Amino acid sequence: MTRSIVPSVALALLLAVAALFTHPAVAAPARQSLTATPPVVTTARPAVTTERPVVTTDQGRLAGQVNGRAEEFLGVPYAAPPVEDLRFRPPRPAARWSGTREATRQAPACVQFLPVGLSDPEYVSEDCLYLDVYRPRHARPGDRLPVLLWIHGGAFVLGTGTQFGGRTMADLTDSVVVSVNYRLGQLGYLAAPELTRENGLGSGSYGLMDQIAALNWTRGNIAAFGGNPANITLWGQSAGSASVCAMLSSPRTAGLFSRAVLQSGPCTLLRAPGSAQAAAAAADFAVAAGCPDPATRAACLRTVPSADLITAGRTRPSAGPAFGDGLLPAQPSEAIASGRWNKVPVLIGSTRAEAKFFLAGTHPYLTAREYTDQIDAMYGPAAPQVLARYPVAGHPTPFDAMSAVLTDSTFACHTLETARTFASQVPTYVYEFDDPRSPTLFGAQPPGVDMANAHSAELAYVHDFSLTDRPLTAEQLAFANDLKRRWGAFARTGDPNVPGATRWPPALGRHTVLTLNPERTRTSTTFAADHQCDFWAGERKS
């Protein structure tokens, strides 16, 4: 087995995220609204009281609301609307306002380049650089509570921070949670030279710039909410985790955060394109969007209707942030391996059967013959070795066999590889989420197919998030609270251990992994063997 086969499979999986992160009951929107309409409501919400918590930020006063045992401030602008002449430019500071701004309605999602998966798929806008803040009811300025800044996933082409409530995390862990929107698709990641030469960073990674702007806004304002600007944890999942990898390696974020949580997005799996590759892709996109002339391309791209940008992007999905510029000088995984990164303690992990999520949209009822044919097509001369390691008879179904192949070769073993790199330099804690009865993101479960532990399964446990096929049971809710407490402890001290819970040792020596299970959370030193990581790394064993 050679390592060379792994990146192609990883890339195929990552590109597939955009096509498979869907809700079967939601159709593509007929329009992309540029005006505010009723807010996206994606989680079950407790009764809101009439109390009005007020804070004062650099831009002005905000009036939030009490929601259950937490307070929330929704739709807070952290940057100016990136519209018209500010489209395809680095984010500018948000304008000040007079009086008290209502902060009780969530802002629109950013324009979706695969516009499905939202409870209200028409509630999107280019005016989308807003964030939500959640804090305990007792929090006041000066409390210096730990801060978790959440970056959502969605393959850099879809998703929104508004889907991920932080009320329970804030209440259980005595922390402040911030959830952000950032520009997506080519609106967020278009490295056209005609655009990148307009900014000092020489970068087209506007979505990454948005995330850094949100981090800077949090640093400057979170004390007003009771948070500690000197204790911010970056926290992301999937493409959000890839964004954390980028911020770990960007010189623009040095000293701005204290810890990092990476869920299902290991840095060695998520490969950023080089600047030349990104520029070539941008030129192809610009032609498709109706802006073929380099001399007028920048102005042209700023006037193209967003619907036409989406159409041009359908067959040219954005690969996310590129490297080789002033924002991201090096490939994140290479910068981290070399030690040239913003070193902070790391919590990193994956779900036990990540690839089920991706396969469910394309091959939920794979036959044994189709499984063999697929392995042959993907691995060529190495296919017999893969089939010998993953015989279809060794799994409940061909679907499960293929899921094991793709889970192990991509997310699981890259998580271990990334964790080993981190652990050689900083305190690192590694987990595997394993609830054999976990619900499925968005309820996208083909009849008769076991979707437990698929990619994104843990989201319903660490957020106030319920777009699944069934609510969590009482046992799962208790487990979810345990996970929140561990995440909160890590944000507070850099150590995810909590009193009365199974000890979580750092990943040293035998690279211990904590298996998170509602019935029996336990430590394990067999993660590499369980996922055949030596095989996927090219080390043959007898």
Protein backbone atom coordinates (compact mmCIF):
# COMPACT_ATOMS: atom_id res chain seq x y z
CA MET A 1 0.00 0.00 0.00
CA THR A 2 1.36 3.42 -0.87
CA ARG A 3 0.43 6.71 0.70
CA SER A 4 -0.16 8.20 -2.74
CA ILE A 5 -3.65 6.77 -3.01
CA VAL A 6 -4.90 8.47 0.11
CA PRO A 7 -5.00 12.15 -0.96
CA SER A 8 -7.16 11.41 -4.00
CA VAL A 9 -9.73 9.62 -1.89
CA ALA A 10 -9.58 12.38 0.72
CA LEU A 11 -10.14 15.03 -1.93
CA ALA A 12 -13.09 13.11 -3.36
CA LEU A 13 -14.64 12.93 0.10
CA LEU A 14 -14.14 16.60 0.80
CA LEU A 15 -15.64 17.62 -2.53
CA ALA A 16 -18.53 15.28 -1.81
CA VAL A 17 -19.40 17.20 1.34
CA ALA A 18 -20.93 19.97 -0.73
CA ALA A 19 -23.18 17.55 -2.57
CA LEU A 20 -24.21 15.52 0.46
CA PHE A 21 -24.70 18.05 3.26
CA THR A 22 -28.42 18.16 2.53
CA HIS A 23 -31.81 17.90 4.11
CA PRO A 24 -34.04 15.62 2.02
CA ALA A 25 -37.10 17.70 2.82
CA VAL A 26 -35.64 21.02 1.69
CA ALA A 27 -35.65 22.12 -1.93
CA ALA A 28 -33.19 24.56 -3.46
CA PRO A 29 -34.35 28.16 -2.99
CA ALA A 30 -35.88 30.13 -5.78
CA ARG A 31 -34.01 33.27 -4.80
CA GLN A 32 -31.15 34.58 -2.72
CA SER A 33 -32.63 37.36 -0.58
CA LEU A 34 -30.53 40.44 0.09
CA THR A 35 -32.88 41.82 2.73
CA ALA A 36 -33.66 40.76 6.26
CA THR A 37 -36.71 38.54 6.76
CA PRO A 38 -37.86 36.49 9.78
CA PRO A 39 -34.87 34.90 11.52
CA VAL A 40 -33.66 31.36 10.98
CA VAL A 41 -34.84 29.18 13.86
CA THR A 42 -33.15 25.81 13.76
CA THR A 43 -33.22 24.58 17.35
CA ALA A 44 -35.88 23.93 19.92
CA ARG A 45 -35.87 27.04 22.12
CA PRO A 46 -37.06 27.45 25.71
CA ALA A 47 -39.35 30.29 26.62
CA VAL A 48 -37.79 33.73 26.37
CA THR A 49 -38.41 36.03 29.32
CA THR A 50 -39.11 39.75 29.19
CA GLU A 51 -35.83 40.62 30.94
CA ARG A 52 -33.51 42.64 28.71
CA PRO A 53 -29.78 42.23 29.34
CA VAL A 54 -27.80 45.12 27.88
CA VAL A 55 -24.10 45.37 27.01
CA THR A 56 -22.01 48.12 25.48
CA THR A 57 -19.66 47.19 22.63
CA ASP A 58 -17.25 49.32 20.62
CA GLN A 59 -20.04 49.95 18.09
CA GLY A 60 -22.79 50.77 20.59
CA ARG A 61 -25.29 49.31 23.05
CA LEU A 62 -26.94 45.91 22.48
CA ALA A 63 -30.15 44.64 24.07
CA GLY A 64 -30.30 40.84 24.15
CA GLN A 65 -32.74 38.45 25.77
CA VAL A 66 -32.91 35.80 28.47
CA ASN A 67 -33.51 32.34 27.05
CA GLY A 68 -33.82 29.59 29.64
CA ARG A 69 -30.77 29.67 31.90
CA ALA A 70 -28.68 31.74 29.51
CA GLU A 71 -28.65 35.14 27.89
CA GLU A 72 -28.23 35.57 24.15
CA PHE A 73 -27.29 38.44 21.89
CA LEU A 74 -28.17 37.58 18.31
CA GLY A 75 -27.34 39.12 14.96
CA VAL A 76 -24.43 41.23 16.22
CA PRO A 77 -22.45 42.85 13.36
CA TYR A 78 -18.72 42.21 13.58
CA ALA A 79 -17.87 43.73 10.18
CA ALA A 80 -19.42 46.00 7.57
CA PRO A 81 -21.72 44.39 4.99
CA PRO A 82 -19.43 42.97 2.23
CA VAL A 83 -21.67 44.17 -0.57
CA GLU A 84 -21.32 46.28 -3.71
CA ASP A 85 -17.80 47.78 -3.72
CA LEU A 86 -16.89 45.77 -0.57
CA ARG A 87 -17.62 42.46 -2.30
CA PHE A 88 -14.36 40.51 -2.75
CA ARG A 89 -12.53 42.74 -0.28
CA PRO A 90 -11.19 42.13 3.24
CA PRO A 91 -13.82 42.82 5.91
CA ARG A 92 -14.10 46.40 7.13
CA PRO A 93 -15.04 47.37 10.71
CA ALA A 94 -18.73 47.50 11.53
CA ALA A 95 -20.26 50.96 11.75
CA ARG A 96 -21.25 52.49 15.07
CA TRP A 97 -24.91 53.03 15.88
CA SER A 98 -26.74 55.39 18.20
CA GLY A 99 -29.17 54.29 20.85
CA THR A 100 -29.65 50.61 21.69
CA ARG A 101 -29.63 47.98 18.96
CA GLU A 102 -32.00 45.02 19.23
CA ALA A 103 -30.01 41.77 19.42
CA THR A 104 -32.86 39.26 19.60
CA ARG A 105 -33.07 38.09 15.97
CA GLN A 106 -30.53 36.00 14.13
CA ALA A 107 -29.01 37.41 10.96
CA PRO A 108 -29.28 35.77 7.54
CA ALA A 109 -26.95 32.99 6.51
CA CYS A 110 -24.28 33.93 4.01
CA VAL A 111 -25.08 33.15 0.37
CA GLN A 112 -25.12 29.38 0.00
CA PHE A 113 -23.28 27.88 -2.94
CA LEU A 114 -25.16 24.66 -2.35
CA PRO A 115 -28.37 26.20 -0.98
CA VAL A 116 -29.84 23.32 0.98
CA GLY A 117 -29.70 22.27 4.61
CA LEU A 118 -31.26 25.45 6.06
CA SER A 119 -34.63 25.44 7.77
CA ASP A 120 -35.47 28.56 5.74
CA PRO A 121 -33.34 28.24 2.59
CA GLU A 122 -34.43 31.64 1.27
CA TYR A 123 -33.15 33.50 4.34
CA VAL A 124 -29.68 34.23 2.98
CA SER A 125 -27.85 37.42 2.10
CA GLU A 126 -24.49 38.85 1.13
CA ASP A 127 -25.01 41.10 4.16
CA CYS A 128 -24.21 38.28 6.58
CA LEU A 129 -21.16 39.13 8.71
CA TYR A 130 -22.85 38.75 12.06
CA LEU A 131 -22.33 36.61 15.14
CA ASP A 132 -24.35 35.34 18.10
CA VAL A 133 -23.15 35.51 21.71
CA TYR A 134 -24.39 33.25 24.52
CA ARG A 135 -23.49 33.72 28.18
CA PRO A 136 -24.68 32.44 31.60
CA ARG A 137 -27.47 34.52 33.16
CA HIS A 138 -25.24 35.70 35.97
CA ALA A 139 -22.37 36.87 33.71
CA ARG A 140 -21.32 40.48 33.97
CA PRO A 141 -18.38 42.59 32.73
CA GLY A 142 -15.20 41.72 34.59
CA ASP A 143 -16.08 38.05 35.19
CA ARG A 144 -13.36 36.89 32.77
CA LEU A 145 -15.15 33.70 31.76
CA PRO A 146 -13.53 31.41 29.15
CA VAL A 147 -14.67 32.02 25.58
CA LEU A 148 -15.40 29.44 22.86
CA LEU A 149 -15.53 30.83 19.32
CA TRP A 150 -17.40 28.41 17.04
CA ILE A 151 -16.72 28.10 13.29
CA HIS A 152 -19.30 26.03 11.42
CA GLY A 153 -18.56 23.48 8.70
CA GLY A 154 -20.12 22.92 5.28
CA ALA A 155 -17.23 22.37 2.84
CA PHE A 156 -16.70 26.15 2.59
CA VAL A 157 -19.81 26.40 0.39
CA LEU A 158 -22.78 26.26 2.79
CA GLY A 159 -23.87 26.42 6.41
CA THR A 160 -24.40 29.11 9.02
CA GLY A 161 -23.43 29.78 12.60
CA THR A 162 -27.07 30.44 13.48
CA GLN A 163 -27.80 26.70 13.48
CA PHE A 164 -25.54 26.11 16.48
CA GLY A 165 -26.89 27.45 19.74
CA GLY A 166 -24.56 27.84 22.72
CA ARG A 167 -27.00 28.34 25.59
CA THR A 168 -26.45 24.99 27.31
CA MET A 169 -22.68 25.11 26.88
CA ALA A 170 -22.62 28.60 28.39
CA ASP A 171 -24.79 27.59 31.34
CA LEU A 172 -23.17 24.21 32.12
CA THR A 173 -19.58 25.36 31.79
CA ASP A 174 -19.80 28.98 32.93
CA SER A 175 -18.38 30.18 29.64
CA VAL A 176 -19.23 32.57 26.81
CA VAL A 177 -19.95 31.04 23.39
CA VAL A 178 -19.64 32.98 20.13
CA SER A 179 -20.96 31.52 16.84
CA VAL A 180 -20.04 33.27 13.59
CA ASN A 181 -21.06 33.51 9.94
CA TYR A 182 -18.38 33.91 7.27
CA ARG A 183 -18.47 34.29 3.49
CA LEU A 184 -18.77 31.05 1.54
CA GLY A 185 -18.06 29.68 -1.92
CA GLN A 186 -16.37 32.03 -4.34
CA LEU A 187 -17.69 35.04 -2.41
CA GLY A 188 -15.46 33.84 0.40
CA TYR A 189 -12.59 32.23 -1.48
CA LEU A 190 -11.80 33.65 -4.92
CA ALA A 191 -8.08 34.14 -5.51
CA ALA A 192 -8.35 36.07 -8.79
CA PRO A 193 -5.15 38.15 -9.18
CA GLU A 194 -7.26 41.11 -10.30
CA LEU A 195 -8.82 41.03 -6.82
CA THR A 196 -5.97 39.85 -4.62
CA ARG A 197 -3.62 42.60 -5.75
CA GLU A 198 -6.10 45.09 -4.27
CA ASN A 199 -5.28 44.11 -0.67
CA GLY A 200 -2.03 44.12 1.23
CA LEU A 201 -2.21 40.41 2.02
CA GLY A 202 -2.40 39.43 -1.66
CA SER A 203 -5.10 36.94 -0.66
CA GLY A 204 -8.53 35.94 -1.89
CA SER A 205 -9.40 34.03 1.28
CA TYR A 206 -12.06 36.50 2.37
CA GLY A 207 -13.89 33.86 4.43
CA LEU A 208 -10.76 33.26 6.48
CA MET A 209 -10.32 37.02 6.83
CA ASP A 210 -13.92 37.17 8.11
CA GLN A 211 -13.16 34.55 10.74
CA ILE A 212 -10.10 36.50 11.86
CA ALA A 213 -12.17 39.70 11.95
CA ALA A 214 -14.71 37.90 14.18
CA LEU A 215 -11.84 36.76 16.41
CA ASN A 216 -10.54 40.32 16.65
CA TRP A 217 -14.05 41.64 17.37
CA THR A 218 -14.35 39.04 20.13
CA ARG A 219 -10.99 40.06 21.59
CA GLY A 220 -12.09 43.69 21.65
CA ASN A 221 -15.63 43.26 22.95
CA ILE A 222 -16.10 40.01 24.84
CA ALA A 223 -15.19 41.52 28.21
CA ALA A 224 -18.47 43.48 28.01
CA PHE A 225 -20.29 40.12 28.01
CA GLY A 226 -18.24 38.77 30.94
CA GLY A 227 -15.73 36.89 28.80
CA ASN A 228 -11.96 36.85 29.07
CA PRO A 229 -10.32 38.22 25.89
CA ALA A 230 -7.07 36.55 26.97
CA ASN A 231 -8.70 33.09 27.06
CA ILE A 232 -10.37 32.35 23.70
CA THR A 233 -10.67 28.83 22.31
CA LEU A 234 -11.06 28.40 18.55
CA TRP A 235 -13.57 25.62 17.96
CA GLY A 236 -14.56 24.17 14.58
CA GLN A 237 -15.94 21.09 12.86
CA SER A 238 -15.30 19.76 9.34
CA ALA A 239 -14.54 22.84 7.18
CA GLY A 240 -14.69 24.82 10.42
CA SER A 241 -11.91 22.62 11.78
CA ALA A 242 -9.96 23.21 8.57
CA SER A 243 -10.40 26.92 9.23
CA VAL A 244 -8.94 26.44 12.71
CA CYS A 245 -5.98 24.67 11.10
CA ALA A 246 -5.51 27.73 8.90
CA MET A 247 -5.68 30.11 11.85
CA LEU A 248 -3.21 27.96 13.78
CA SER A 249 -0.72 28.50 10.98
CA SER A 250 -1.49 32.12 10.01
CA PRO A 251 0.86 34.84 11.28
CA ARG A 252 -2.16 37.16 11.37
CA THR A 253 -3.62 35.33 14.40
CA ALA A 254 -0.50 35.04 16.56
CA GLY A 255 -1.37 35.68 20.19
CA LEU A 256 -5.10 36.07 19.57
CA PHE A 257 -6.30 32.76 21.06
CA SER A 258 -5.30 30.28 23.75
CA ARG A 259 -6.54 26.83 22.66
CA ALA A 260 -8.00 24.96 19.70
CA VAL A 261 -10.68 22.28 19.28
CA LEU A 262 -10.74 20.40 15.96
CA GLN A 263 -13.72 18.11 15.28
CA SER A 264 -13.63 15.87 12.20
CA GLY A 265 -11.25 18.06 10.25
CA PRO A 266 -7.61 16.94 10.74
CA CYS A 267 -5.05 19.32 9.29
CA THR A 268 -3.22 16.67 7.23
CA LEU A 269 -6.42 15.70 5.41
CA LEU A 270 -7.54 19.18 4.46
CA ARG A 271 -5.10 20.38 1.82
CA ALA A 272 -5.23 24.03 0.83
CA PRO A 273 -4.56 24.84 -2.83
CA GLY A 274 -1.44 26.79 -3.71
CA SER A 275 -1.80 30.37 -4.89
CA ALA A 276 -1.09 29.50 -8.55
CA GLN A 277 -3.66 26.68 -8.52
CA ALA A 278 -6.21 28.94 -6.81
CA ALA A 279 -5.61 31.73 -9.33
CA ALA A 280 -6.18 29.36 -12.26
CA ALA A 281 -9.41 28.12 -10.71
CA ALA A 282 -10.51 31.72 -10.12
CA ALA A 283 -9.92 32.63 -13.76
CA ASP A 284 -12.03 29.68 -14.91
CA PHE A 285 -14.79 30.70 -12.51
CA ALA A 286 -14.68 34.33 -13.65
CA VAL A 287 -15.17 33.31 -17.28
CA ALA A 288 -18.12 31.12 -16.30
CA ALA A 289 -19.59 34.02 -14.30
CA GLY A 290 -19.46 36.29 -17.35
CA CYS A 291 -16.26 38.21 -16.60
CA PRO A 292 -13.73 36.94 -19.17
CA ASP A 293 -11.64 40.13 -19.58
CA PRO A 294 -8.87 40.44 -16.96
CA ALA A 295 -8.76 44.21 -17.52
CA THR A 296 -12.32 44.67 -16.26
CA ARG A 297 -12.66 41.51 -14.19
CA ALA A 298 -12.60 43.04 -10.69
CA ALA A 299 -15.35 45.56 -11.45
CA CYS A 300 -17.33 42.96 -13.39
CA LEU A 301 -17.29 40.40 -10.57
CA ARG A 302 -18.61 43.02 -8.15
CA THR A 303 -21.72 43.52 -10.28
CA VAL A 304 -22.60 39.90 -11.16
CA PRO A 305 -25.85 38.87 -9.42
CA SER A 306 -25.22 36.40 -6.61
CA ALA A 307 -27.48 33.85 -8.32
CA ASP A 308 -25.13 33.86 -11.33
CA LEU A 309 -22.13 33.39 -9.05
CA ILE A 310 -23.86 30.37 -7.54
CA THR A 311 -24.56 28.94 -10.98
CA ALA A 312 -20.93 29.37 -12.02
CA GLY A 313 -19.82 27.71 -8.80
CA ARG A 314 -22.03 24.63 -9.14
CA THR A 315 -19.43 22.76 -11.22
CA ARG A 316 -16.46 24.62 -9.73
CA PRO A 317 -16.74 24.19 -5.94
CA SER A 318 -14.55 26.41 -3.84
CA ALA A 319 -11.62 24.63 -2.19
CA GLY A 320 -11.48 27.08 0.70
CA PRO A 321 -8.46 29.16 1.71
CA ALA A 322 -5.36 29.04 -0.47
CA PHE A 323 -1.80 29.27 0.80
CA GLY A 324 1.21 31.15 -0.48
CA ASP A 325 0.16 34.70 0.40
CA GLY A 326 0.44 37.11 3.31
CA LEU A 327 -2.53 35.59 5.11
CA LEU A 328 -1.53 31.95 4.86
CA PRO A 329 2.12 31.71 3.79
CA ALA A 330 2.40 27.90 4.02
CA GLN A 331 0.25 24.81 3.76
CA PRO A 332 -1.24 24.57 7.30
CA SER A 333 -0.24 20.95 7.91
CA GLU A 334 3.32 21.66 6.76
CA ALA A 335 3.61 24.79 8.89
CA ILE A 336 2.41 22.83 11.94
CA ALA A 337 4.78 19.92 11.26
CA SER A 338 7.70 22.34 10.98
CA GLY A 339 6.85 24.03 14.27
CA ARG A 340 6.09 27.38 12.61
CA TRP A 341 2.60 27.88 13.98
CA ASN A 342 0.68 29.52 16.83
CA LYS A 343 1.30 26.86 19.47
CA VAL A 344 -1.61 26.27 21.87
CA PRO A 345 -3.08 23.16 23.56
CA VAL A 346 -5.23 21.11 21.18
CA LEU A 347 -8.30 18.87 21.54
CA ILE A 348 -8.88 16.84 18.38
CA GLY A 349 -11.03 13.90 17.32
CA SER A 350 -13.40 12.21 14.89
CA THR A 351 -16.50 10.03 14.84
CA ARG A 352 -16.19 6.28 14.54
CA ALA A 353 -17.87 5.97 11.13
CA GLU A 354 -17.34 9.36 9.46
CA ALA A 355 -17.77 8.18 5.87
CA LYS A 356 -21.34 6.91 6.32
CA PHE A 357 -22.48 10.51 5.96
CA PHE A 358 -20.91 10.85 2.53
CA LEU A 359 -21.88 7.41 1.23
CA ALA A 360 -25.52 7.76 2.26
CA GLY A 361 -26.14 10.25 -0.53
CA THR A 362 -24.60 8.15 -3.28
CA HIS A 363 -24.36 4.45 -2.37
CA PRO A 364 -26.65 3.57 0.56
CA TYR A 365 -27.56 0.17 -0.90
CA LEU A 366 -24.22 -0.87 -2.32
CA THR A 367 -24.04 -4.51 -3.45
CA ALA A 368 -21.05 -6.77 -2.89
CA ARG A 369 -20.15 -6.57 -6.58
CA GLU A 370 -20.48 -2.80 -6.61
CA TYR A 371 -18.24 -2.63 -3.55
CA THR A 372 -15.51 -4.59 -5.30
CA ASP A 373 -15.88 -2.51 -8.45
CA GLN A 374 -15.66 0.72 -6.47
CA ILE A 375 -12.52 -0.42 -4.66
CA ASP A 376 -10.97 -1.44 -7.98
CA ALA A 377 -11.78 1.96 -9.49
CA MET A 378 -10.40 3.91 -6.52
CA TYR A 379 -7.28 1.93 -5.74
CA GLY A 380 -6.22 0.27 -8.98
CA PRO A 381 -3.25 -2.11 -8.43
CA ALA A 382 -3.61 -1.69 -4.65
CA ALA A 383 -7.25 -2.85 -4.68
CA PRO A 384 -6.49 -6.50 -3.79
CA GLN A 385 -4.69 -5.35 -0.65
CA VAL A 386 -7.62 -3.15 0.35
CA LEU A 387 -10.13 -5.94 -0.29
CA ALA A 388 -8.02 -8.35 1.75
CA ARG A 389 -7.99 -5.91 4.66
CA TYR A 390 -11.67 -5.00 4.29
CA PRO A 391 -13.51 -8.10 3.00
CA VAL A 392 -17.18 -7.49 2.48
CA ALA A 393 -17.94 -10.62 4.51
CA GLY A 394 -16.27 -9.00 7.53
CA HIS A 395 -18.89 -6.24 7.72
CA PRO A 396 -22.68 -6.21 8.16
CA THR A 397 -23.22 -4.80 4.65
CA PRO A 398 -21.14 -3.64 1.66
CA PHE A 399 -22.13 -0.10 2.71
CA ASP A 400 -20.44 -0.65 6.08
CA ALA A 401 -17.35 -2.13 4.41
CA MET A 402 -16.97 0.90 2.15
CA SER A 403 -17.58 3.22 5.10
CA ALA A 404 -14.77 1.49 7.02
CA VAL A 405 -12.36 1.87 4.08
CA LEU A 406 -13.04 5.56 3.62
CA THR A 407 -13.33 6.39 7.33
CA ASP A 408 -10.01 4.73 8.12
CA SER A 409 -8.05 6.01 5.12
CA THR A 410 -9.21 9.60 5.56
CA PHE A 411 -10.63 10.99 8.79
CA ALA A 412 -9.48 8.42 11.36
CA CYS A 413 -5.87 7.97 10.34
CA HIS A 414 -5.38 11.60 9.41
CA THR A 415 -6.75 12.54 12.83
CA LEU A 416 -4.13 10.30 14.41
CA GLU A 417 -1.37 11.68 12.19
CA THR A 418 -2.36 15.26 12.98
CA ALA A 419 -2.66 14.47 16.68
CA ARG A 420 0.82 12.95 16.73
CA THR A 421 2.24 16.10 15.15
CA PHE A 422 0.52 18.29 17.72
CA ALA A 423 1.41 16.01 20.65
CA SER A 424 5.12 16.28 19.89
CA GLN A 425 4.86 20.04 20.46
CA VAL A 426 1.92 20.92 22.73
CA PRO A 427 -0.51 19.26 25.18
CA THR A 428 -2.91 17.32 22.96
CA TYR A 429 -6.08 15.39 23.81
CA VAL A 430 -7.58 12.96 21.29
CA TYR A 431 -11.09 11.49 21.20
CA GLU A 432 -13.26 9.20 19.13
CA PHE A 433 -17.02 9.77 19.31
CA ASP A 434 -18.80 6.40 19.48
CA ASP A 435 -22.51 6.33 20.21
CA PRO A 436 -23.95 3.34 18.31
CA ARG A 437 -27.42 4.87 18.57
CA SER A 438 -26.57 8.45 17.63
CA PRO A 439 -29.13 10.28 15.47
CA THR A 440 -28.21 11.45 12.00
CA LEU A 441 -27.59 15.04 10.95
CA PHE A 442 -30.74 16.43 9.25
CA GLY A 443 -32.45 13.04 9.49
CA ALA A 444 -30.81 11.99 6.22
CA GLN A 445 -31.00 8.28 6.97
CA PRO A 446 -31.86 5.98 4.08
CA PRO A 447 -34.37 3.35 5.24
CA GLY A 448 -32.66 0.30 6.69
CA VAL A 449 -29.18 1.88 6.70
CA ASP A 450 -27.35 2.26 10.01
CA MET A 451 -26.08 5.86 10.08
CA ALA A 452 -24.81 5.96 13.67
CA ASN A 453 -21.49 7.73 14.27
CA ALA A 454 -21.45 9.33 10.82
CA HIS A 455 -19.71 12.64 10.12
CA SER A 456 -21.34 15.40 12.20
CA ALA A 457 -23.00 12.97 14.63
CA GLU A 458 -21.44 14.73 17.63
CA LEU A 459 -22.93 18.13 16.76
CA ALA A 460 -26.24 17.36 18.47
CA TYR A 461 -24.29 16.59 21.66
CA VAL A 462 -22.04 19.65 21.96
CA HIS A 463 -24.51 22.29 20.72
CA ASP A 464 -28.15 23.24 21.22
CA PHE A 465 -28.75 21.68 17.85
CA SER A 466 -31.63 19.46 16.81
CA LEU A 467 -32.15 18.90 13.09
CA THR A 468 -31.95 15.15 13.45
CA ASP A 469 -34.26 12.24 12.81
CA ARG A 470 -35.01 11.88 16.52
CA PRO A 471 -34.31 13.77 19.76
CA LEU A 472 -31.64 12.58 22.16
CA THR A 473 -32.74 10.14 24.85
CA ALA A 474 -32.33 10.92 28.55
CA GLU A 475 -29.14 8.84 28.59
CA GLN A 476 -27.81 10.65 25.53
CA LEU A 477 -28.67 14.04 27.02
CA ALA A 478 -26.64 13.17 30.11
CA PHE A 479 -23.79 12.06 27.84
CA ALA A 480 -24.12 15.30 25.85
CA ASN A 481 -23.82 17.33 29.03
CA ASP A 482 -20.70 15.36 29.95
CA LEU A 483 -19.16 16.25 26.57
CA LYS A 484 -20.04 19.92 27.01
CA ARG A 485 -18.41 19.94 30.44
CA ARG A 486 -15.24 18.39 29.01
CA TRP A 487 -15.11 20.91 26.16
CA GLY A 488 -15.75 23.71 28.66
CA ALA A 489 -13.01 22.48 31.01
CA PHE A 490 -10.56 22.44 28.11
CA ALA A 491 -11.55 26.00 27.20
CA ARG A 492 -11.02 27.10 30.80
CA THR A 493 -7.68 25.43 31.58
CA GLY A 494 -6.41 23.51 28.53
CA ASP A 495 -7.25 20.22 30.27
CA PRO A 496 -10.58 18.47 29.44
CA ASN A 497 -10.73 16.41 32.63
CA VAL A 498 -13.71 16.97 34.92
CA PRO A 499 -14.37 15.60 38.44
CA GLY A 500 -16.07 12.21 38.57
CA ALA A 501 -15.52 11.40 34.89
CA THR A 502 -13.18 8.93 33.19
CA ARG A 503 -9.70 10.41 33.11
CA TRP A 504 -8.62 11.76 29.72
CA PRO A 505 -4.84 11.47 29.45
CA PRO A 506 -2.87 13.55 26.97
CA ALA A 507 -1.74 11.84 23.77
CA LEU A 508 1.78 10.84 24.74
CA GLY A 509 3.79 7.68 24.20
CA ARG A 510 1.17 5.19 23.01
CA HIS A 511 -1.09 8.01 21.80
CA THR A 512 -4.01 7.27 24.06
CA VAL A 513 -7.44 8.10 22.63
CA LEU A 514 -10.54 8.64 24.77
CA THR A 515 -13.51 6.75 23.33
CA LEU A 516 -16.58 8.83 24.11
CA ASN A 517 -19.54 6.50 24.61
CA PRO A 518 -22.76 7.11 26.58
CA GLU A 519 -22.56 3.72 28.28
CA ARG A 520 -18.82 3.44 28.82
CA THR A 521 -16.37 6.20 28.07
CA ARG A 522 -12.91 4.62 28.20
CA THR A 523 -9.30 5.14 27.24
CA SER A 524 -7.85 3.15 24.36
CA THR A 525 -4.39 2.61 22.90
CA THR A 526 -5.67 0.56 19.94
CA PHE A 527 -7.05 3.38 17.77
CA ALA A 528 -4.31 2.94 15.15
CA ALA A 529 -4.91 -0.81 14.97
CA ASP A 530 -8.69 -0.46 14.98
CA HIS A 531 -8.50 1.77 11.91
CA GLN A 532 -5.52 0.01 10.28
CA CYS A 533 -3.51 3.22 10.18
CA ASP A 534 -0.15 1.47 9.65
CA PHE A 535 -1.59 -0.09 6.51
CA TRP A 536 -2.85 3.23 5.21
CA ALA A 537 0.48 4.86 6.00
CA GLY A 538 2.20 2.33 3.75
CA GLU A 539 3.79 0.19 6.46
CA ARG A 540 3.18 -3.44 5.50
CA LYS A 541 2.55 -5.89 8.31
CA SER A 542 2.65 -9.64 8.32
